[in-house]
Amino acid sequence: MKSIDKSKNTFAITTPLYYVNDLPHLGSAYTTMAADAVARFERLRGKSVLLVTGTDEHGQKIQRTAESLGRSPQAHCDLVVPGFEGLWEKFNIQYDRFIRTTARRHEYIVKEFFQRVWNSGDIYLNQQQGWYCVSCEEFKEERDLLPGHRCSVHTSKEVEWRDEENYFFRLSRYQDQLLALYVERPDFIAPESRRNEVLSFVNSGLQDFSISRVNVAWGLPVPVDPSHTIYVWFDALVGYITALVDADSDPTLENALSKWWPVDLHLIGKDILRFHAVYWPAMLMSAGLPMPGRVFAHGFLTKDGKKMGKTEGNTLDPVELVNKYGADAARYYFLKEIEFGQDGDFNETRFINTLNAELANDLGNLLNRTLNMARKYCGGCVPNVLGENISSDNLLKGMSLNLGEEVAGFYEDLAFSKACEAVLALVRAGNKFIDVQAPWSLYKQGHLESLQQVLYSVLESVRLASYLLSPIIPNISSAIYQQLGFSIDFNDKVAVNSLATFATHSVWGALPANQALGEAQPVFKRLELLEKVPS
């Protein structure tokens, strides 16, 4: 799965608009850190990037949650939203827009979008009967329910029988157009398993779906009939467009669509795939708007092999995780250890062992031992060597020649784990290279030219590795670059965009000869389990 158009100098990516019935959980953080890694990679390419995130704040679930807590729905949303903003800050998420569906500008865009679909003749009034899950904000087929009329997603929740008048969207009208889209653009839905799931669903026949509710006060009124409230998905999905309006521009569809639409990538969890890969494209077709570039649905997270959740008594607080171990540690584990797109598991012992082995021992140790030798043998400077003059027979140079292009392809595919493994192979080779070449022996024997080539090769490999990993571990990469004598901070968007280009920094030999090096210091401290098991 490759980028749709590499010649574009802009790139727009969205996370879901997260539901604010409760504080954010690890699953929300997982999606958002992945989106941030993609955005950072595209910035390395020199592109103008827009990362959109935000909150979905309407619907009966929010209304009931607020009532149970003795709050108004708006007061509840205003209390929960800072929890998302604060968590994104802890995970070092560099979002560009944060859209709230309770924002007045969003209401203007929704009304205009609704009117377009209404004018297309795709909205009509009818009776809705069926089982409804408030937690999902969705009607359920009888065949999809668990015994006791429980939702298959929210297994502890019983669905409710509804018999009410709703406005409907003519989804059935777009079945053939959707299938044509999937054929014409086979990478529109990813990974492949999710694409097959959508194809099966659409081929089985599409039913029109309800886009309004009655007796639900918390939401946007239907423009043609204020006695109805717009159904949360028809409201929330349009938030991806609302977020594109510049703060100083009027909230109109024309302004929203002028620069960033269509977005290049919708990044979501697999539980909301149908809404993004079926309902949303059909709504856009009805409104006469272009399709987004891709929809990628990742898997679920478990903890110690079990489903996470309060009712299961198996939770993992993302705030506590980052407070204990740091943002880079969490980002690295979830993006490297879990194949993105598949379900994945968190285990604290595995978490610590992975980070100690790969970041502390492999990468950190390689940098420190080489810096110490450069200080001892080369006066604290990068050896006086030009990378282009080192033979391609050099093991590390040979491994590095196509590494940047290879890793770029993995980032494009959202194959973060493969990107990390490819870089780690170079790092591990660097440690072996030092052991075999024995720079200390070369120094004693007076082979200073060979000594300098060895040290330059290793330092350049560390630089390249940290550069290619910077979308995932920006703090560690910044610390490495600064110890190599650069002033770059990979958390500085302007500075990252001003780097020569990805094509220059992702190839061998970008480390300047004779550049003064910084002091060697740990870039990642070894971790220990903070909670000991009682003896």
Protein backbone atom coordinates (compact mmCIF):
# COMPACT_ATOMS: atom_id res chain seq x y z
CA MET A 1 0.00 0.00 0.00
CA LYS A 2 1.78 3.11 -1.24
CA SER A 3 1.05 6.80 -1.05
CA ILE A 4 -1.47 7.86 -3.68
CA ASP A 5 0.58 10.71 -5.11
CA LYS A 6 4.19 11.18 -4.07
CA SER A 7 4.49 14.36 -6.13
CA LYS A 8 2.12 16.22 -3.80
CA ASN A 9 3.79 18.64 -1.42
CA THR A 10 0.98 18.30 1.14
CA PHE A 11 -0.14 15.39 3.29
CA ALA A 12 -3.25 15.26 5.50
CA ILE A 13 -4.00 12.48 7.97
CA THR A 14 -6.82 12.03 10.49
CA THR A 15 -7.36 9.99 13.62
CA PRO A 16 -10.93 9.11 14.61
CA LEU A 17 -12.85 11.79 16.44
CA TYR A 18 -12.85 10.10 19.83
CA TYR A 19 -16.01 9.64 21.84
CA VAL A 20 -15.97 11.55 25.12
CA ASN A 21 -18.21 9.38 27.27
CA ASP A 22 -15.07 8.70 29.34
CA LEU A 23 -11.39 9.60 29.59
CA PRO A 24 -9.12 8.41 26.75
CA HIS A 25 -7.82 4.85 26.88
CA LEU A 26 -4.76 3.14 25.45
CA GLY A 27 -6.54 2.20 22.24
CA SER A 28 -7.09 5.87 21.47
CA ALA A 29 -3.44 6.62 22.20
CA TYR A 30 -2.36 3.73 19.95
CA THR A 31 -4.14 5.13 16.91
CA THR A 32 -2.90 8.64 17.60
CA MET A 33 0.78 7.75 18.10
CA ALA A 34 0.68 5.84 14.80
CA ALA A 35 -0.85 8.84 13.05
CA ASP A 36 1.82 11.06 14.59
CA ALA A 37 4.60 8.76 13.33
CA VAL A 38 3.20 8.94 9.79
CA ALA A 39 2.89 12.73 10.00
CA ARG A 40 6.47 13.06 11.25
CA PHE A 41 7.74 10.86 8.43
CA GLU A 42 6.00 13.02 5.83
CA ARG A 43 7.47 16.14 7.44
CA LEU A 44 10.93 14.59 7.05
CA ARG A 45 10.16 14.51 3.34
CA GLY A 46 9.66 18.26 3.45
CA LYS A 47 5.91 18.09 2.95
CA SER A 48 3.39 20.46 4.45
CA VAL A 49 1.52 18.17 6.84
CA LEU A 50 -1.85 18.43 8.57
CA LEU A 51 -2.59 15.98 11.38
CA VAL A 52 -6.23 16.15 12.46
CA THR A 53 -7.61 14.71 15.67
CA GLY A 54 -10.49 15.65 17.93
CA THR A 55 -13.59 14.56 19.77
CA ASP A 56 -17.10 13.38 18.89
CA GLU A 57 -19.32 14.91 21.56
CA HIS A 58 -22.95 14.35 20.55
CA GLY A 59 -25.37 11.46 20.94
CA GLN A 60 -27.49 9.60 23.44
CA LYS A 61 -24.53 7.85 25.05
CA ILE A 62 -22.99 11.19 26.00
CA GLN A 63 -26.34 12.50 27.18
CA ARG A 64 -26.93 9.50 29.45
CA THR A 65 -23.37 9.51 30.79
CA ALA A 66 -23.64 13.20 31.68
CA GLU A 67 -27.01 12.69 33.36
CA SER A 68 -25.67 9.80 35.44
CA LEU A 69 -22.90 12.10 36.68
CA GLY A 70 -25.23 15.00 37.40
CA ARG A 71 -23.81 17.22 34.65
CA SER A 72 -25.08 18.84 31.52
CA PRO A 73 -23.78 17.18 28.34
CA GLN A 74 -21.74 20.25 27.44
CA ALA A 75 -20.20 20.47 30.90
CA HIS A 76 -19.31 16.78 30.70
CA CYS A 77 -17.61 17.23 27.32
CA ASP A 78 -15.73 20.29 28.56
CA LEU A 79 -14.37 18.23 31.46
CA VAL A 80 -13.31 15.20 29.39
CA VAL A 81 -11.78 16.89 26.32
CA PRO A 82 -8.72 18.25 28.22
CA GLY A 83 -7.95 14.63 29.11
CA PHE A 84 -7.42 13.88 25.42
CA GLU A 85 -5.38 17.01 24.84
CA GLY A 86 -3.24 16.28 27.89
CA LEU A 87 -2.64 12.65 26.88
CA TRP A 88 -1.60 13.65 23.37
CA GLU A 89 0.92 16.04 24.92
CA LYS A 90 2.31 13.24 27.10
CA PHE A 91 2.70 10.97 24.05
CA ASN A 92 4.42 13.80 22.18
CA ILE A 93 1.68 13.99 19.55
CA GLN A 94 2.17 16.94 17.19
CA TYR A 95 -1.38 17.44 15.96
CA ASP A 96 -2.22 20.47 13.85
CA ARG A 97 -6.00 20.63 14.30
CA PHE A 98 -8.22 19.51 17.17
CA ILE A 99 -11.86 19.53 16.14
CA ARG A 100 -14.76 19.32 18.58
CA THR A 101 -18.17 18.47 17.15
CA THR A 102 -19.75 20.87 19.66
CA ALA A 103 -17.93 23.78 17.98
CA ARG A 104 -20.30 26.23 16.33
CA ARG A 105 -18.30 26.21 13.09
CA HIS A 106 -18.89 22.46 12.84
CA GLU A 107 -22.66 22.98 12.92
CA TYR A 108 -22.45 25.27 9.88
CA ILE A 109 -20.49 22.69 7.89
CA VAL A 110 -22.84 19.84 8.87
CA LYS A 111 -25.89 21.84 7.79
CA GLU A 112 -24.31 22.63 4.42
CA PHE A 113 -23.25 19.02 3.91
CA PHE A 114 -26.72 17.77 4.91
CA GLN A 115 -28.32 20.14 2.41
CA ARG A 116 -26.15 18.77 -0.40
CA VAL A 117 -27.20 15.21 0.38
CA TRP A 118 -30.83 16.31 0.77
CA ASN A 119 -30.70 18.01 -2.64
CA SER A 120 -29.40 14.76 -4.13
CA GLY A 121 -32.63 13.09 -3.07
CA ASP A 122 -30.78 10.69 -0.76
CA ILE A 123 -32.60 11.51 2.50
CA TYR A 124 -36.15 10.42 3.29
CA LEU A 125 -38.44 9.87 6.29
CA ASN A 126 -39.39 6.33 7.31
CA GLN A 127 -40.08 4.09 10.31
CA GLN A 128 -37.12 2.42 12.04
CA GLN A 129 -37.55 -0.79 13.99
CA GLY A 130 -34.73 -2.81 15.47
CA TRP A 131 -32.27 -3.50 18.24
CA TYR A 132 -30.15 -0.48 19.13
CA CYS A 133 -26.86 -0.36 21.04
CA VAL A 134 -26.46 3.00 22.74
CA SER A 135 -22.74 2.38 23.34
CA CYS A 136 -22.14 1.78 19.62
CA GLU A 137 -24.78 4.37 18.60
CA GLU A 138 -25.87 1.81 16.00
CA PHE A 139 -28.78 -0.48 15.10
CA LYS A 140 -27.82 -4.16 15.23
CA GLU A 141 -28.97 -7.15 13.19
CA GLU A 142 -30.50 -9.95 15.25
CA ARG A 143 -27.86 -12.34 13.91
CA ASP A 144 -25.07 -10.13 15.28
CA LEU A 145 -26.30 -10.21 18.88
CA LEU A 146 -25.07 -12.41 21.73
CA PRO A 147 -27.43 -14.43 23.92
CA GLY A 148 -29.60 -12.21 26.10
CA HIS A 149 -29.71 -9.55 23.38
CA ARG A 150 -26.26 -8.31 24.28
CA CYS A 151 -24.06 -6.32 21.92
CA SER A 152 -21.19 -8.28 20.38
CA VAL A 153 -18.87 -5.28 20.91
CA HIS A 154 -20.06 -4.12 24.33
CA THR A 155 -20.71 -7.60 25.67
CA SER A 156 -21.98 -6.48 29.05
CA LYS A 157 -24.60 -4.16 27.51
CA GLU A 158 -28.08 -5.21 26.45
CA VAL A 159 -29.39 -3.60 23.29
CA GLU A 160 -32.67 -1.69 23.30
CA TRP A 161 -35.67 -2.22 21.02
CA ARG A 162 -36.51 0.90 19.04
CA ASP A 163 -39.61 1.65 16.96
CA GLU A 164 -39.49 5.25 15.84
CA GLU A 165 -39.64 7.58 12.88
CA ASN A 166 -36.21 8.49 11.49
CA TYR A 167 -34.68 10.14 8.48
CA PHE A 168 -32.73 7.68 6.35
CA PHE A 169 -29.81 7.93 3.95
CA ARG A 170 -30.15 5.95 0.70
CA LEU A 171 -27.01 3.86 1.17
CA SER A 172 -28.45 1.12 -1.07
CA ARG A 173 -28.27 3.51 -4.04
CA TYR A 174 -24.45 3.51 -3.81
CA GLN A 175 -23.71 -0.20 -3.66
CA ASP A 176 -22.46 -0.47 -7.25
CA GLN A 177 -20.50 2.78 -7.02
CA LEU A 178 -18.78 1.60 -3.85
CA LEU A 179 -17.84 -1.74 -5.38
CA ALA A 180 -16.47 0.11 -8.41
CA LEU A 181 -14.40 2.31 -6.08
CA TYR A 182 -12.90 -0.73 -4.33
CA VAL A 183 -11.98 -2.29 -7.69
CA GLU A 184 -10.57 0.91 -9.17
CA ARG A 185 -8.56 1.66 -6.04
CA PRO A 186 -7.59 -1.64 -4.39
CA ASP A 187 -5.50 0.20 -1.79
CA PHE A 188 -8.45 2.34 -0.66
CA ILE A 189 -9.04 0.01 2.31
CA ALA A 190 -6.20 -1.64 4.21
CA PRO A 191 -4.97 -4.02 5.40
CA GLU A 192 -6.16 -6.71 2.99
CA SER A 193 -8.20 -8.52 5.63
CA ARG A 194 -10.24 -5.36 6.27
CA ARG A 195 -10.77 -4.83 2.56
CA ASN A 196 -12.11 -8.36 2.23
CA GLU A 197 -14.40 -7.75 5.20
CA VAL A 198 -15.87 -4.64 3.56
CA LEU A 199 -16.25 -6.34 0.19
CA SER A 200 -18.16 -9.17 1.83
CA PHE A 201 -20.44 -6.74 3.65
CA VAL A 202 -21.21 -4.64 0.57
CA ASN A 203 -21.68 -7.64 -1.71
CA SER A 204 -24.24 -9.06 0.71
CA GLY A 205 -26.48 -6.07 -0.03
CA LEU A 206 -26.61 -2.61 1.49
CA GLN A 207 -29.53 -1.31 3.51
CA ASP A 208 -30.40 2.35 3.93
CA PHE A 209 -29.40 3.60 7.37
CA SER A 210 -30.94 6.00 9.84
CA ILE A 211 -29.34 9.43 10.14
CA SER A 212 -31.60 10.99 12.77
CA ARG A 213 -33.02 10.30 16.20
CA VAL A 214 -36.08 11.54 18.06
CA ASN A 215 -36.24 12.13 21.81
CA VAL A 216 -32.49 12.84 21.87
CA ALA A 217 -31.86 16.47 22.68
CA TRP A 218 -28.05 16.37 22.69
CA GLY A 219 -27.00 16.90 19.09
CA LEU A 220 -27.50 19.04 16.00
CA PRO A 221 -31.09 19.50 14.81
CA VAL A 222 -32.00 18.19 11.36
CA PRO A 223 -32.13 21.35 9.19
CA VAL A 224 -35.39 20.36 7.47
CA ASP A 225 -37.07 19.07 10.64
CA PRO A 226 -35.78 20.39 14.02
CA SER A 227 -37.87 17.80 15.90
CA HIS A 228 -35.18 15.31 14.86
CA THR A 229 -31.53 15.27 15.92
CA ILE A 230 -28.83 14.28 13.42
CA TYR A 231 -27.49 10.79 14.11
CA VAL A 232 -24.04 10.90 15.63
CA TRP A 233 -22.17 9.26 12.73
CA PHE A 234 -23.64 11.54 10.07
CA ASP A 235 -22.60 14.43 12.31
CA ALA A 236 -19.18 13.19 13.42
CA LEU A 237 -17.81 12.02 10.06
CA VAL A 238 -18.27 15.51 8.65
CA GLY A 239 -15.89 16.70 11.38
CA TYR A 240 -13.00 15.55 9.19
CA ILE A 241 -14.01 18.31 6.77
CA THR A 242 -14.77 20.93 9.43
CA ALA A 243 -11.24 20.52 10.80
CA LEU A 244 -9.81 21.69 7.48
CA VAL A 245 -11.23 25.20 7.78
CA ASP A 246 -8.54 27.69 8.77
CA ALA A 247 -9.26 29.48 12.05
CA ASP A 248 -9.53 32.86 10.32
CA SER A 249 -11.82 31.60 7.52
CA ASP A 250 -15.60 31.42 7.39
CA PRO A 251 -16.93 27.90 8.12
CA THR A 252 -18.12 26.94 4.64
CA LEU A 253 -17.63 23.78 2.62
CA GLU A 254 -15.83 25.78 -0.04
CA ASN A 255 -13.24 27.01 2.45
CA ALA A 256 -12.91 23.60 4.09
CA LEU A 257 -12.25 21.85 0.79
CA SER A 258 -9.92 24.45 -0.70
CA LYS A 259 -6.52 23.08 0.35
CA TRP A 260 -6.46 19.81 2.29
CA TRP A 261 -9.35 17.79 0.94
CA PRO A 262 -9.28 14.97 0.04
CA VAL A 263 -7.22 13.89 3.01
CA ASP A 264 -4.58 11.28 2.26
CA LEU A 265 -5.30 8.88 5.11
CA HIS A 266 -8.06 8.11 7.61
CA LEU A 267 -6.47 6.07 10.40
CA ILE A 268 -9.00 4.16 12.53
CA GLY A 269 -9.59 1.09 14.68
CA LYS A 270 -11.23 -1.91 13.04
CA ASP A 271 -14.41 -1.53 15.12
CA ILE A 272 -15.43 1.57 13.13
CA LEU A 273 -14.36 0.30 9.70
CA ARG A 274 -17.86 0.05 8.22
CA PHE A 275 -18.64 3.69 8.95
CA HIS A 276 -15.43 4.92 7.30
CA ALA A 277 -15.14 2.51 4.38
CA VAL A 278 -18.83 2.21 3.43
CA TYR A 279 -21.06 4.92 4.95
CA TRP A 280 -18.61 7.81 4.64
CA PRO A 281 -17.62 7.25 0.97
CA ALA A 282 -21.32 6.90 0.05
CA MET A 283 -22.13 10.15 1.87
CA LEU A 284 -19.30 11.89 -0.01
CA MET A 285 -20.56 10.51 -3.32
CA SER A 286 -24.02 11.86 -2.56
CA ALA A 287 -22.58 15.28 -1.69
CA GLY A 288 -20.48 15.26 -4.88
CA LEU A 289 -17.15 15.37 -3.04
CA PRO A 290 -13.88 13.53 -3.81
CA MET A 291 -12.90 10.37 -1.96
CA PRO A 292 -10.13 10.34 0.68
CA GLY A 293 -6.89 8.61 -0.25
CA ARG A 294 -6.96 5.58 2.07
CA VAL A 295 -8.72 4.10 5.06
CA PHE A 296 -6.47 1.99 7.29
CA ALA A 297 -8.03 0.03 10.15
CA HIS A 298 -5.69 -1.35 12.82
CA GLY A 299 -6.39 -4.13 15.30
CA PHE A 300 -7.27 -4.23 18.99
CA LEU A 301 -4.91 -4.23 21.96
CA THR A 302 -4.96 -6.75 24.78
CA LYS A 303 -3.06 -6.86 28.06
CA ASP A 304 -1.35 -10.07 29.14
CA GLY A 305 -3.33 -11.90 26.49
CA LYS A 306 -6.73 -10.76 27.79
CA LYS A 307 -9.21 -8.15 26.64
CA MET A 308 -8.74 -4.77 28.29
CA GLY A 309 -11.59 -3.07 30.10
CA LYS A 310 -12.91 -1.97 33.46
CA THR A 311 -15.56 -4.69 33.53
CA GLU A 312 -12.86 -7.30 32.95
CA GLY A 313 -10.63 -5.76 35.61
CA ASN A 314 -7.78 -5.65 33.11
CA THR A 315 -6.83 -2.06 32.35
CA LEU A 316 -3.68 -0.19 31.38
CA ASP A 317 -3.65 3.51 32.18
CA PRO A 318 -1.83 5.32 29.32
CA VAL A 319 -0.99 8.28 31.58
CA GLU A 320 0.59 6.00 34.17
CA LEU A 321 2.50 4.15 31.44
CA VAL A 322 4.08 7.33 30.07
CA ASN A 323 4.76 8.71 33.54
CA LYS A 324 6.65 5.51 34.41
CA TYR A 325 8.59 4.91 31.23
CA GLY A 326 8.42 7.98 28.98
CA ALA A 327 6.74 8.71 25.66
CA ASP A 328 9.46 7.24 23.41
CA ALA A 329 9.40 3.94 25.29
CA ALA A 330 5.65 3.54 24.81
CA ARG A 331 5.73 4.69 21.19
CA TYR A 332 8.55 2.32 20.34
CA TYR A 333 6.98 -0.74 21.94
CA PHE A 334 3.52 -0.38 20.42
CA LEU A 335 4.74 0.52 16.94
CA LYS A 336 7.64 -1.92 16.80
CA GLU A 337 6.41 -4.97 18.70
CA ILE A 338 2.91 -5.08 17.20
CA GLU A 339 2.36 -5.57 13.48
CA PHE A 340 0.21 -2.57 12.67
CA GLY A 341 -3.14 -3.73 11.36
CA GLN A 342 -3.19 -6.87 13.50
CA ASP A 343 -4.30 -7.33 17.09
CA GLY A 344 -1.47 -6.91 19.61
CA ASP A 345 -0.70 -7.50 23.25
CA PHE A 346 0.98 -5.50 26.02
CA ASN A 347 2.98 -7.36 28.61
CA GLU A 348 5.10 -5.31 31.00
CA THR A 349 7.95 -7.82 31.22
CA ARG A 350 8.16 -8.06 27.44
CA PHE A 351 7.89 -4.27 27.24
CA ILE A 352 10.89 -3.76 29.51
CA ASN A 353 12.98 -6.54 27.97
CA THR A 354 12.41 -5.19 24.46
CA LEU A 355 13.34 -1.63 25.36
CA ASN A 356 16.41 -2.62 27.35
CA ALA A 357 17.71 -4.91 24.62
CA GLU A 358 17.07 -2.69 21.62
CA LEU A 359 17.21 0.92 22.79
CA ALA A 360 19.54 0.74 25.79
CA ASN A 361 21.87 -2.12 24.82
CA ASP A 362 21.93 -2.11 21.01
CA LEU A 363 21.43 1.53 20.03
CA GLY A 364 22.54 3.36 23.19
CA ASN A 365 25.59 1.20 23.80
CA LEU A 366 26.72 1.50 20.18
CA LEU A 367 26.59 5.29 20.34
CA ASN A 368 28.34 5.62 23.69
CA ARG A 369 31.22 3.27 23.04
CA THR A 370 31.91 4.89 19.65
CA LEU A 371 31.73 8.44 21.00
CA ASN A 372 34.17 7.52 23.76
CA MET A 373 36.63 6.14 21.21
CA ALA A 374 36.21 9.21 18.98
CA ARG A 375 36.98 11.39 21.95
CA LYS A 376 40.02 9.31 22.80
CA TYR A 377 41.42 8.79 19.29
CA CYS A 378 40.04 11.73 17.24
CA GLY A 379 40.08 14.68 19.61
CA GLY A 380 36.33 14.61 20.28
CA CYS A 381 35.44 15.18 16.63
CA VAL A 382 33.93 13.18 13.81
CA PRO A 383 36.88 11.43 12.12
CA ASN A 384 38.34 13.30 9.17
CA VAL A 385 36.73 11.02 6.62
CA LEU A 386 34.36 11.57 3.71
CA GLY A 387 31.66 8.96 3.53
CA GLU A 388 31.90 8.88 -0.26
CA ASN A 389 35.55 7.78 0.01
CA ILE A 390 34.71 4.70 2.08
CA SER A 391 34.53 1.61 -0.08
CA SER A 392 31.13 0.09 -0.73
CA ASP A 393 32.71 -3.15 0.48
CA ASN A 394 32.44 -1.68 3.95
CA LEU A 395 29.76 -3.76 5.68
CA LEU A 396 27.90 -0.84 7.26
CA LYS A 397 28.00 1.31 4.15
CA GLY A 398 26.76 -1.60 2.07
CA MET A 399 23.84 -2.17 4.43
CA SER A 400 23.01 1.55 4.41
CA LEU A 401 22.96 2.30 0.70
CA ASN A 402 19.30 1.35 0.13
CA LEU A 403 18.13 1.46 3.74
CA GLY A 404 16.52 4.90 3.55
CA GLU A 405 14.43 3.95 0.53
CA GLU A 406 13.50 0.63 2.12
CA VAL A 407 12.40 2.20 5.40
CA ALA A 408 10.47 4.92 3.54
CA GLY A 409 8.50 2.17 1.83
CA PHE A 410 7.69 0.62 5.19
CA TYR A 411 6.45 3.94 6.57
CA GLU A 412 4.26 4.39 3.49
CA ASP A 413 2.78 0.94 4.15
CA LEU A 414 2.35 1.75 7.85
CA ALA A 415 4.63 -1.22 8.50
CA PHE A 416 6.27 0.39 11.51
CA SER A 417 7.54 -2.92 12.87
CA LYS A 418 9.37 -3.69 9.62
CA ALA A 419 10.87 -0.20 9.56
CA CYS A 420 12.25 -0.70 13.07
CA GLU A 421 13.60 -4.16 12.29
CA ALA A 422 15.41 -2.91 9.19
CA VAL A 423 17.07 -0.14 11.19
CA LEU A 424 17.91 -2.46 14.09
CA ALA A 425 19.71 -4.79 11.70
CA LEU A 426 22.12 -1.94 10.92
CA VAL A 427 22.53 -1.11 14.61
CA ARG A 428 23.32 -4.71 15.54
CA ALA A 429 25.73 -4.95 12.64
CA GLY A 430 27.44 -1.80 13.97
CA ASN A 431 28.10 -3.44 17.34
CA LYS A 432 29.55 -6.54 15.67
CA PHE A 433 31.57 -4.36 13.30
CA ILE A 434 33.32 -2.68 16.23
CA ASP A 435 34.09 -6.03 17.86
CA VAL A 436 35.56 -7.44 14.65
CA GLN A 437 37.48 -4.33 13.55
CA ALA A 438 38.79 -3.62 17.07
CA PRO A 439 39.57 0.13 16.72
CA TRP A 440 41.66 0.00 19.90
CA SER A 441 44.01 -2.47 18.20
CA LEU A 442 44.16 -0.36 15.04
CA TYR A 443 45.22 2.59 17.19
CA LYS A 444 47.95 0.64 18.94
CA GLN A 445 49.22 -0.59 15.58
CA GLY A 446 49.28 2.92 14.15
CA HIS A 447 46.65 2.24 11.46
CA LEU A 448 45.05 5.62 11.97
CA GLU A 449 43.37 5.87 8.55
CA SER A 450 41.64 2.52 9.07
CA LEU A 451 40.74 3.52 12.61
CA GLN A 452 39.07 6.70 11.39
CA GLN A 453 37.11 4.85 8.71
CA VAL A 454 35.83 2.35 11.25
CA LEU A 455 34.70 5.02 13.71
CA TYR A 456 33.17 7.17 10.98
CA SER A 457 31.28 4.15 9.63
CA VAL A 458 29.79 3.39 13.02
CA LEU A 459 28.94 7.00 13.89
CA GLU A 460 27.30 7.48 10.50
CA SER A 461 25.31 4.27 10.99
CA VAL A 462 24.04 5.54 14.35
CA ARG A 463 23.12 8.87 12.76
CA LEU A 464 21.24 7.16 9.95
CA ALA A 465 19.47 4.83 12.37
CA SER A 466 18.35 7.68 14.63
CA TYR A 467 17.17 9.71 11.64
CA LEU A 468 15.07 6.86 10.26
CA LEU A 469 13.61 6.11 13.71
CA SER A 470 12.86 9.75 14.53
CA PRO A 471 9.16 9.52 13.56
CA ILE A 472 8.78 6.87 16.28
CA ILE A 473 11.29 7.95 18.95
CA PRO A 474 11.81 11.69 18.35
CA ASN A 475 13.28 12.46 21.79
CA ILE A 476 15.91 9.72 21.59
CA SER A 477 16.74 10.64 17.99
CA SER A 478 17.18 14.27 18.97
CA ALA A 479 19.52 13.31 21.82
CA ILE A 480 21.62 11.17 19.46
CA TYR A 481 21.84 13.91 16.84
CA GLN A 482 22.92 16.41 19.46
CA GLN A 483 25.64 14.08 20.73
CA LEU A 484 26.82 13.77 17.13
CA GLY A 485 27.24 17.53 17.02
CA PHE A 486 23.99 18.60 15.33
CA SER A 487 21.60 21.14 16.82
CA ILE A 488 18.49 19.57 15.29
CA ASP A 489 15.46 18.81 17.48
CA PHE A 490 13.10 16.36 15.79
CA ASN A 491 10.22 17.85 17.77
CA ASP A 492 10.71 21.18 16.02
CA LYS A 493 8.44 21.07 12.95
CA VAL A 494 10.10 24.03 11.27
CA ALA A 495 13.58 22.64 11.82
CA VAL A 496 12.56 19.21 10.52
CA ASN A 497 11.10 20.73 7.36
CA SER A 498 14.28 22.75 6.89
CA LEU A 499 16.54 19.69 6.85
CA ALA A 500 18.04 19.35 3.38
CA THR A 501 15.51 16.64 2.38
CA PHE A 502 14.76 13.07 3.25
CA ALA A 503 16.69 12.07 0.14
CA THR A 504 19.83 13.70 1.57
CA HIS A 505 19.65 12.74 5.23
CA SER A 506 18.48 9.17 4.68
CA VAL A 507 21.59 8.18 2.70
CA TRP A 508 25.11 7.31 3.70
CA GLY A 509 27.65 10.03 4.38
CA ALA A 510 25.59 12.92 5.77
CA LEU A 511 27.75 13.18 8.90
CA PRO A 512 30.25 16.06 8.35
CA ALA A 513 33.92 15.24 8.84
CA ASN A 514 35.63 16.99 11.77
CA GLN A 515 32.31 18.07 13.32
CA ALA A 516 32.68 18.53 17.08
CA LEU A 517 30.91 15.79 19.01
CA GLY A 518 28.89 16.18 22.17
CA GLU A 519 29.51 14.40 25.43
CA ALA A 520 28.60 10.71 25.55
CA GLN A 521 25.61 10.10 27.79
CA PRO A 522 22.84 7.52 27.91
CA VAL A 523 20.08 8.26 25.40
CA PHE A 524 17.84 5.65 27.00
CA LYS A 525 18.16 4.43 30.57
CA ARG A 526 17.58 0.78 31.32
CA LEU A 527 14.15 0.10 32.78
CA GLU A 528 13.20 -1.86 35.83
CA LEU A 529 9.84 -3.18 36.93
CA LEU A 530 8.57 -0.62 39.39
CA GLU A 531 6.09 -2.95 41.03
CA LYS A 532 7.88 -6.02 42.36
CA VAL A 533 6.03 -9.28 42.68
CA PRO A 534 5.70 -10.17 46.39
CA SER A 535 7.90 -13.05 47.49
